[in-house]
């Protein structure tokens, strides 16, 4: 077990690091101010992406810093999960960097779904333009009327009708729905079958967002911010009728696909969290040493040095746990690394939340404004403790696996 980045991983990492430092970080404040000015009216239909983003994306693609997440040497960089992990961390230092390299959620997860499970027709129609960065995508799973931490509660339906599939249901927190380039959604729904167990009664369907019956009802703010120009929307599917060929991998395959999708995605989220935590710690130290109160640097007051030490310990612990999960997933697959993936999904966002909270305290009022990325990092951390499964669900997975190791059956564990 060796977590040292490979030569190929290190080479990509240095190039991404240089790109982020030279092009993205210096422009972040200006980029955020432009988004705020352009979208002050709150009408998501008028949201636009600042031209600088497309310029950065063109430059990144020309430099070969594109689709680095995909373990396919022809379509992406061909990096393993472990090799990609430090690169994702570097991108996580900026809230806008992942999109620059076409490595942003939920597109990465959706592209992996199509790459692993999509038909040739689906790949041609949707995967290719996603890989080219020509369009954006949405993942529709969470529902407002049920506890979505248990996916078997899902009420939305996908019912086969001849050579068509008919969709009905309401979804929310569908990230990316407000993006001007959002064209396709992956819709997860129940397809009840009497002869199948509960984990084979769900399907994933590709839904063009301009299909009749698809209605975006609103964008949902996170701590009062709309996360423009991506947004997190509530959308209704009312008798949406699509060719059966839009079903991914066949009816009843939804849970299997979800496990394949969420494993890498959770690791990507966690590594980005650690990059954000590293930057928050750097900002905290710089601010704390340059700002004085009561005749001393802020960092020399009120136990702040101990907070710096605690942050370093926590970040490094979380990084090692995440790298171990990435290594194990490469070795045995997402199902074989369920406990480790659940563990990092609990740990990494919590570490980020704590480090950012301490940094905000050092910055005072500036820390909760948009003058620094800290408020955005805090919202990211707190949201990720719910997204892709809340902390409690992941702890339940870990506990269930531990009990099984001691020989207790599922009935004993329920």
Protein backbone atom coordinates (compact mmCIF):
# COMPACT_ATOMS: atom_id res chain seq x y z
CA UNK A 1 0.00 0.00 0.00
CA UNK A 2 1.72 3.16 -1.24
CA UNK A 3 -0.02 6.55 -1.25
CA UNK A 4 2.83 8.40 -2.92
CA UNK A 5 1.46 9.98 -6.13
CA UNK A 6 2.63 8.24 -9.28
CA UNK A 7 4.83 10.16 -11.68
CA UNK A 8 1.83 10.67 -13.96
CA UNK A 9 -0.36 11.87 -11.10
CA UNK A 10 2.35 14.23 -9.86
CA UNK A 11 2.83 15.70 -13.32
CA UNK A 12 -0.88 16.45 -13.70
CA UNK A 13 -1.01 17.78 -10.14
CA UNK A 14 1.77 20.30 -10.74
CA UNK A 15 0.12 21.52 -13.94
CA UNK A 16 -3.29 21.88 -12.31
CA UNK A 17 -1.71 23.63 -9.33
CA UNK A 18 0.03 26.11 -11.60
CA UNK A 19 -3.17 26.75 -13.58
CA UNK A 20 -5.24 27.37 -10.44
CA UNK A 21 -2.64 29.74 -8.96
CA UNK A 22 -2.03 31.69 -12.17
CA UNK A 23 -5.51 31.97 -13.64
CA UNK A 24 -8.30 31.10 -11.21
CA UNK A 25 -7.43 32.23 -7.69
CA UNK A 26 -6.47 35.80 -8.73
CA UNK A 27 -9.83 36.19 -10.51
CA UNK A 28 -12.12 34.55 -7.93
CA UNK A 29 -13.30 37.75 -6.23
CA UNK A 30 -14.00 39.45 -9.56
CA UNK A 31 -15.78 36.34 -10.85
CA UNK A 32 -17.97 36.13 -7.72
CA UNK A 33 -18.80 39.84 -7.90
CA UNK A 34 -19.85 39.49 -11.53
CA UNK A 35 -22.13 36.56 -10.70
CA UNK A 36 -23.69 38.51 -7.86
CA UNK A 37 -24.29 41.57 -10.04
CA UNK A 38 -25.66 39.59 -12.99
CA UNK A 39 -28.02 37.48 -10.90
CA UNK A 40 -29.24 39.99 -8.35
CA UNK A 41 -32.76 39.78 -9.77
CA UNK A 42 -33.18 36.14 -8.74
CA UNK A 43 -34.67 34.95 -12.05
CA UNK A 44 -32.76 31.74 -12.77
CA UNK A 45 -33.85 31.81 -16.43
CA UNK A 46 -31.58 34.81 -16.91
CA UNK A 47 -28.53 33.30 -15.25
CA UNK A 48 -25.38 33.51 -17.35
CA UNK A 49 -21.85 32.18 -17.02
CA UNK A 50 -19.16 34.90 -17.03
CA UNK A 51 -17.18 34.72 -20.31
CA UNK A 52 -13.98 34.14 -18.34
CA UNK A 53 -15.14 30.62 -17.49
CA UNK A 54 -15.30 29.58 -21.14
CA UNK A 55 -11.88 31.14 -21.73
CA UNK A 56 -10.40 29.15 -18.86
CA UNK A 57 -12.05 25.95 -20.04
CA UNK A 58 -10.70 26.37 -23.56
CA UNK A 59 -7.22 26.98 -22.19
CA UNK A 60 -7.40 24.00 -19.80
CA UNK A 61 -8.57 21.71 -22.58
CA UNK A 62 -5.83 22.93 -24.91
CA UNK A 63 -3.28 22.12 -22.19
CA UNK A 64 -4.66 18.58 -21.76
CA UNK A 65 -6.08 19.35 -18.28
CA UNK A 66 -9.50 17.98 -19.13
CA UNK A 67 -11.71 15.11 -17.87
CA UNK A 68 -8.98 14.16 -15.42
CA UNK A 69 -11.48 12.22 -13.28
CA UNK A 70 -12.27 9.57 -15.90
CA UNK A 71 -10.18 6.36 -15.70
CA UNK A 72 -10.19 5.97 -19.48
CA UNK A 73 -7.03 6.94 -21.34
CA UNK A 74 -8.93 7.65 -24.56
CA UNK A 75 -11.70 9.82 -23.13
CA UNK A 76 -9.92 11.23 -20.09
CA UNK A 77 -6.57 11.12 -18.33
CA UNK A 78 -6.81 7.41 -17.53
CA UNK A 79 -5.93 8.00 -13.87
CA UNK A 80 -6.93 5.59 -11.12
CA UNK A 81 -9.02 6.88 -8.22
CA UNK A 82 -5.90 7.05 -6.06
CA UNK A 83 -3.99 8.94 -8.76
CA UNK A 84 -6.82 11.43 -9.24
CA UNK A 85 -7.32 12.07 -5.51
CA UNK A 86 -4.58 14.71 -4.97
CA UNK A 87 -5.62 16.46 -8.18
CA UNK A 88 -9.20 16.69 -6.94
CA UNK A 89 -7.83 18.11 -3.70
CA UNK A 90 -6.04 20.84 -5.60
CA UNK A 91 -9.20 21.72 -7.53
CA UNK A 92 -11.06 21.90 -4.22
CA UNK A 93 -9.07 24.96 -3.21
CA UNK A 94 -11.43 26.96 -5.41
CA UNK A 95 -15.21 26.75 -5.67
CA UNK A 96 -15.02 27.37 -9.42
CA UNK A 97 -11.93 25.36 -10.41
CA UNK A 98 -13.58 21.93 -10.94
CA UNK A 99 -15.75 23.27 -13.76
CA UNK A 100 -12.70 24.76 -15.48
CA UNK A 101 -11.26 21.25 -15.91
CA UNK A 102 -14.64 19.62 -16.71
CA UNK A 103 -14.36 17.79 -13.40
CA UNK A 104 -17.38 19.26 -11.64
CA UNK A 105 -20.29 17.51 -9.94
CA UNK A 106 -22.81 16.28 -10.86
CA UNK A 107 -21.38 15.99 -14.39
CA UNK A 108 -18.51 13.72 -13.35
CA UNK A 109 -20.89 11.20 -11.77
CA UNK A 110 -23.30 11.38 -14.69
CA UNK A 111 -20.48 10.91 -17.20
CA UNK A 112 -19.22 7.88 -15.28
CA UNK A 113 -22.74 6.42 -15.34
CA UNK A 114 -22.91 6.78 -19.10
CA UNK A 115 -19.35 5.54 -19.55
CA UNK A 116 -19.93 2.43 -17.43
CA UNK A 117 -23.60 1.64 -18.12
CA UNK A 118 -24.77 3.65 -21.12
CA UNK A 119 -25.65 2.20 -24.51
CA UNK A 120 -23.68 3.24 -27.57
CA UNK A 121 -26.60 5.44 -28.61
CA UNK A 122 -26.71 7.11 -25.19
CA UNK A 123 -22.98 7.68 -25.22
CA UNK A 124 -23.12 9.25 -28.66
CA UNK A 125 -26.02 11.54 -27.84
CA UNK A 126 -25.11 12.62 -24.30
CA UNK A 127 -21.69 11.42 -23.12
CA UNK A 128 -19.76 12.90 -26.00
CA UNK A 129 -21.08 16.48 -25.57
CA UNK A 130 -20.63 16.21 -21.80
CA UNK A 131 -17.02 15.13 -22.22
CA UNK A 132 -16.52 18.04 -24.61
CA UNK A 133 -17.97 20.48 -22.08
CA UNK A 134 -20.62 21.56 -24.57
CA UNK A 135 -23.53 20.80 -22.23
CA UNK A 136 -24.16 20.33 -18.50
CA UNK A 137 -26.23 17.69 -16.70
CA UNK A 138 -28.38 17.17 -13.61
CA UNK A 139 -28.97 14.22 -11.27
CA UNK A 140 -32.55 13.91 -9.96
CA UNK A 141 -32.85 11.62 -6.96
CA UNK A 142 -33.89 13.48 -3.77
CA UNK A 143 -37.60 14.09 -3.26
CA UNK A 144 -39.37 16.68 -1.08
CA UNK A 145 -42.19 14.45 0.20
CA UNK A 146 -40.16 11.56 1.65
CA UNK A 147 -37.06 10.90 3.73
CA UNK A 148 -34.63 10.51 0.86
CA UNK A 149 -31.90 9.13 3.10
CA UNK A 150 -33.72 5.84 2.44
CA UNK A 151 -33.89 5.56 -1.35
CA UNK A 152 -36.51 2.81 -1.12
CA UNK A 153 -38.93 5.56 0.03
CA UNK A 154 -38.81 7.05 -3.44
CA UNK A 155 -42.25 7.95 -4.85
CA UNK A 156 -41.34 8.98 -8.39
CA UNK A 157 -42.16 6.30 -10.95
CA UNK A 158 -40.88 5.10 -14.32
CA UNK A 159 -43.44 2.80 -15.89
CA UNK A 160 -42.94 0.91 -19.13
CA UNK A 161 -45.71 1.49 -21.68
CA UNK A 162 -45.01 -0.41 -24.89
CA UNK A 163 -41.80 0.93 -26.35
CA UNK A 164 -41.94 4.03 -24.15
CA UNK A 165 -41.32 4.79 -20.48
CA UNK A 166 -43.59 7.24 -18.64
CA UNK A 167 -42.18 9.30 -15.75
CA UNK A 168 -44.02 10.98 -12.89
CA UNK A 169 -42.72 12.57 -9.71
CA UNK A 170 -41.22 15.58 -8.04
CA UNK A 171 -37.51 16.02 -7.31
CA UNK A 172 -35.54 18.71 -5.53
CA UNK A 173 -31.96 19.66 -4.75
CA UNK A 174 -31.27 18.77 -8.37
CA UNK A 175 -27.87 20.45 -8.62
CA UNK A 176 -26.91 22.22 -11.83
CA UNK A 177 -30.52 22.67 -12.93
CA UNK A 178 -30.16 26.42 -13.33
CA UNK A 179 -27.06 26.30 -15.52
CA UNK A 180 -27.67 27.76 -18.99
CA UNK A 181 -25.99 24.71 -20.54
CA UNK A 182 -28.01 22.13 -18.58
CA UNK A 183 -29.63 19.87 -21.19
CA UNK A 184 -30.04 16.40 -19.71
CA UNK A 185 -31.05 14.90 -16.37
CA UNK A 186 -30.66 11.41 -14.96
CA UNK A 187 -33.96 10.66 -13.23
CA UNK A 188 -34.07 7.88 -10.63
CA UNK A 189 -37.50 6.35 -9.97
CA UNK A 190 -39.36 3.25 -8.84
CA UNK A 191 -40.31 0.60 -11.38
CA UNK A 192 -42.17 -1.79 -9.07
CA UNK A 193 -42.01 -5.45 -10.02
CA UNK A 194 -43.68 -8.21 -8.00
CA UNK A 195 -40.94 -10.73 -8.74
CA UNK A 196 -38.02 -8.49 -7.73
CA UNK A 197 -36.59 -7.57 -4.33
CA UNK A 198 -36.64 -3.96 -3.20
CA UNK A 199 -33.15 -3.26 -4.55
CA UNK A 200 -34.19 -4.20 -8.09
CA UNK A 201 -37.25 -1.99 -8.33
CA UNK A 202 -35.60 1.28 -9.34
CA UNK A 203 -34.39 2.59 -12.67
CA UNK A 204 -32.40 5.49 -14.06
CA UNK A 205 -33.73 7.30 -17.12
CA UNK A 206 -32.15 9.97 -19.32
CA UNK A 207 -34.52 12.94 -19.54
CA UNK A 208 -33.91 15.89 -21.89
CA UNK A 209 -34.82 18.97 -19.85
CA UNK A 210 -36.90 20.32 -22.72
CA UNK A 211 -39.08 17.18 -22.85
CA UNK A 212 -42.84 17.83 -22.54
CA UNK A 213 -43.96 17.48 -18.93
CA UNK A 214 -40.68 18.61 -17.34
CA UNK A 215 -41.24 21.79 -15.32
CA UNK A 216 -38.61 23.55 -13.22
CA UNK A 217 -40.56 25.12 -10.39
CA UNK A 218 -37.92 27.02 -8.46
CA UNK A 219 -34.30 27.28 -7.41
CA UNK A 220 -33.50 26.57 -3.77
CA UNK A 221 -31.15 28.85 -1.82
CA UNK A 222 -28.43 27.42 0.40
CA UNK A 223 -27.98 29.69 3.42
CA UNK A 224 -29.60 32.46 1.37
CA UNK A 225 -27.36 32.04 -1.70
CA UNK A 226 -28.51 30.49 -4.98
CA UNK A 227 -25.12 29.06 -6.02
CA UNK A 228 -25.36 30.72 -9.40
CA UNK A 229 -25.05 29.94 -12.23
CA UNK A 230 -25.56 26.26 -11.34
CA UNK A 231 -28.37 26.31 -8.82
CA UNK A 232 -30.20 23.55 -6.98
CA UNK A 233 -33.72 23.19 -8.31
CA UNK A 234 -37.09 21.68 -7.62
CA UNK A 235 -38.54 20.08 -10.75
CA UNK A 236 -41.77 18.27 -11.55
CA UNK A 237 -42.08 15.38 -14.02
CA UNK A 238 -45.68 15.00 -15.16
CA UNK A 239 -46.46 12.18 -17.60
CA UNK A 240 -43.08 12.62 -19.28
CA UNK A 241 -43.13 10.12 -22.14
CA UNK A 242 -39.79 9.00 -23.53
CA UNK A 243 -38.46 6.15 -25.68
CA UNK A 244 -37.63 3.06 -23.62
CA UNK A 245 -34.11 3.36 -25.03
CA UNK A 246 -33.63 6.29 -22.60
CA UNK A 247 -33.53 3.82 -19.68
CA UNK A 248 -29.92 3.27 -18.60
CA UNK A 249 -28.84 -0.39 -18.60
CA UNK A 250 -32.43 -1.65 -18.31
CA UNK A 251 -35.30 -1.42 -15.84
CA UNK A 252 -34.50 -2.38 -12.26
CA UNK A 253 -30.81 -1.49 -12.49
CA UNK A 254 -31.04 1.82 -10.59
CA UNK A 255 -29.49 0.69 -7.30
CA UNK A 256 -26.64 -1.10 -9.01
CA UNK A 257 -25.87 2.01 -11.05
CA UNK A 258 -26.17 4.27 -8.00
CA UNK A 259 -23.52 2.29 -6.13
CA UNK A 260 -21.17 2.51 -9.10
CA UNK A 261 -21.83 6.25 -9.42
CA UNK A 262 -21.66 7.34 -5.81
CA UNK A 263 -18.44 5.59 -4.78
CA UNK A 264 -16.04 7.64 -6.93
CA UNK A 265 -18.20 10.74 -6.54
CA UNK A 266 -17.98 10.62 -2.75
CA UNK A 267 -14.20 10.31 -2.89
CA UNK A 268 -14.01 13.27 -5.28
CA UNK A 269 -16.17 15.31 -2.89
CA UNK A 270 -13.97 14.39 0.05
CA UNK A 271 -10.72 15.29 -1.67
CA UNK A 272 -12.17 18.63 -2.75
CA UNK A 273 -13.17 19.18 0.88
CA UNK A 274 -9.57 18.67 1.95
CA UNK A 275 -8.32 21.15 -0.64
CA UNK A 276 -10.82 23.70 0.68
CA UNK A 277 -9.72 22.95 4.25
CA UNK A 278 -6.06 23.48 3.30
CA UNK A 279 -6.86 26.84 1.80
CA UNK A 280 -9.01 27.84 4.77
CA UNK A 281 -6.12 26.99 7.09
CA UNK A 282 -3.71 29.07 4.99
CA UNK A 283 -6.11 32.02 5.05
CA UNK A 284 -6.56 31.61 8.81
CA UNK A 285 -2.82 31.67 9.47
CA UNK A 286 -2.11 34.63 7.19
CA UNK A 287 -4.96 36.67 8.65
CA UNK A 288 -4.08 35.69 12.21
CA UNK A 289 -0.45 36.73 11.85
CA UNK A 290 -1.08 40.00 9.99
CA UNK A 291 -3.96 41.28 12.11
CA UNK A 292 -3.33 42.51 15.67
CA UNK A 293 -5.51 43.04 18.72
CA UNK A 294 -4.52 43.96 22.26
CA UNK A 295 -0.95 44.39 21.06
CA UNK A 296 -0.56 40.86 19.69
CA UNK A 297 -1.18 39.00 16.44
CA UNK A 298 -4.62 37.38 16.56
CA UNK A 299 -3.05 33.95 16.25
CA UNK A 300 -1.34 34.46 19.61
CA UNK A 301 -4.65 35.06 21.39
CA UNK A 302 -7.34 32.79 22.79
CA UNK A 303 -5.90 29.37 21.96
CA UNK A 304 -5.71 30.08 18.23
CA UNK A 305 -2.34 28.37 17.82
CA UNK A 306 -3.85 25.20 19.24
CA UNK A 307 -6.66 25.48 16.68
CA UNK A 308 -4.07 25.66 13.90
CA UNK A 309 -2.39 22.50 15.22
CA UNK A 310 -5.72 20.71 15.56
CA UNK A 311 -6.62 21.66 11.99
CA UNK A 312 -3.35 20.27 10.63
CA UNK A 313 -3.84 17.00 12.51
CA UNK A 314 -7.46 16.64 11.38
CA UNK A 315 -6.74 17.45 7.72
CA UNK A 316 -3.86 14.97 7.52
CA UNK A 317 -5.89 12.24 9.23
CA UNK A 318 -8.78 12.79 6.84
CA UNK A 319 -6.47 12.79 3.84
CA UNK A 320 -4.88 9.48 4.78
CA UNK A 321 -8.30 7.91 5.34
CA UNK A 322 -9.48 9.22 1.98
CA UNK A 323 -6.40 7.95 0.16
CA UNK A 324 -6.91 4.55 1.78
CA UNK A 325 -10.52 4.48 0.58
CA UNK A 326 -9.40 5.45 -2.93
CA UNK A 327 -6.73 2.73 -2.92
CA UNK A 328 -9.18 0.11 -1.69
CA UNK A 329 -11.79 1.08 -4.25
CA UNK A 330 -9.20 0.68 -7.01
CA UNK A 331 -8.30 -2.74 -5.60
CA UNK A 332 -11.73 -4.26 -4.89
CA UNK A 333 -14.34 -1.88 -6.29
CA UNK A 334 -16.89 0.42 -4.64
CA UNK A 335 -18.88 -2.39 -3.00
CA UNK A 336 -15.77 -3.83 -1.40
CA UNK A 337 -14.81 -0.42 -0.02
CA UNK A 338 -18.25 0.57 1.32
CA UNK A 339 -17.10 1.00 4.91
CA UNK A 340 -14.09 3.11 3.96
CA UNK A 341 -16.10 5.28 1.55
CA UNK A 342 -18.77 5.85 4.21
CA UNK A 343 -16.07 6.73 6.74
CA UNK A 344 -14.51 9.43 4.61
CA UNK A 345 -17.93 10.81 3.70
CA UNK A 346 -18.51 11.41 7.42
CA UNK A 347 -15.02 12.68 8.21
CA UNK A 348 -13.99 15.00 5.36
CA UNK A 349 -16.97 17.41 5.34
CA UNK A 350 -16.88 17.58 9.15
CA UNK A 351 -13.18 18.45 9.11
CA UNK A 352 -13.80 21.14 6.52
CA UNK A 353 -16.69 22.57 8.51
CA UNK A 354 -14.57 22.82 11.69
CA UNK A 355 -11.51 24.32 9.98
CA UNK A 356 -13.61 26.88 8.11
CA UNK A 357 -15.52 27.78 11.28
CA UNK A 358 -12.24 28.50 13.07
CA UNK A 359 -11.00 30.53 10.08
CA UNK A 360 -14.21 32.57 10.04
CA UNK A 361 -13.70 33.36 13.72
CA UNK A 362 -10.25 34.77 12.94
CA UNK A 363 -11.62 36.85 10.05
CA UNK A 364 -14.53 38.20 12.06
CA UNK A 365 -17.22 39.88 9.97
CA UNK A 366 -15.21 39.48 6.77
CA UNK A 367 -15.40 35.71 7.20
CA UNK A 368 -19.16 35.58 6.71
CA UNK A 369 -19.13 37.96 3.74
CA UNK A 370 -18.34 37.16 0.13
CA UNK A 371 -14.95 38.89 0.40
CA UNK A 372 -13.32 35.50 1.05
CA UNK A 373 -14.25 31.97 -0.06
CA UNK A 374 -14.88 30.94 3.56
CA UNK A 375 -18.66 31.36 3.57
CA UNK A 376 -18.87 29.31 0.37
CA UNK A 377 -16.63 26.63 1.86
CA UNK A 378 -18.81 26.48 4.99
CA UNK A 379 -21.97 26.05 2.92
CA UNK A 380 -20.20 23.34 0.92
CA UNK A 381 -19.18 21.47 4.06
CA UNK A 382 -22.55 21.67 5.79
CA UNK A 383 -24.40 20.66 2.63
CA UNK A 384 -22.14 17.65 2.04
CA UNK A 385 -23.04 16.31 5.46
CA UNK A 386 -26.47 15.72 3.88
CA UNK A 387 -25.74 15.18 0.20
CA UNK A 388 -24.89 11.67 -1.07
CA UNK A 389 -26.27 10.29 2.19
CA UNK A 390 -26.39 12.02 5.59
CA UNK A 391 -23.77 11.29 8.25
CA UNK A 392 -26.15 9.02 10.15
CA UNK A 393 -26.71 6.73 7.16
CA UNK A 394 -22.99 6.34 6.55
CA UNK A 395 -22.35 5.58 10.22
CA UNK A 396 -25.11 2.98 10.00
CA UNK A 397 -23.37 1.35 7.03
CA UNK A 398 -20.08 1.21 8.93
CA UNK A 399 -21.74 -0.26 12.03
CA UNK A 400 -23.61 -2.88 9.98
CA UNK A 401 -20.38 -4.04 8.34
CA UNK A 402 -18.58 -4.18 11.68
CA UNK A 403 -21.35 -6.30 13.20
CA UNK A 404 -21.25 -8.64 10.20
CA UNK A 405 -17.54 -9.17 10.79
CA UNK A 406 -18.44 -10.46 14.22
CA UNK A 407 -20.89 -12.94 12.71
CA UNK A 408 -24.19 -11.22 13.41
CA UNK A 409 -26.83 -11.75 10.74
CA UNK A 410 -28.83 -9.00 9.04
CA UNK A 411 -31.84 -9.83 11.25
CA UNK A 412 -29.64 -9.40 14.34
CA UNK A 413 -28.39 -6.10 12.96
CA UNK A 414 -31.72 -4.56 11.94
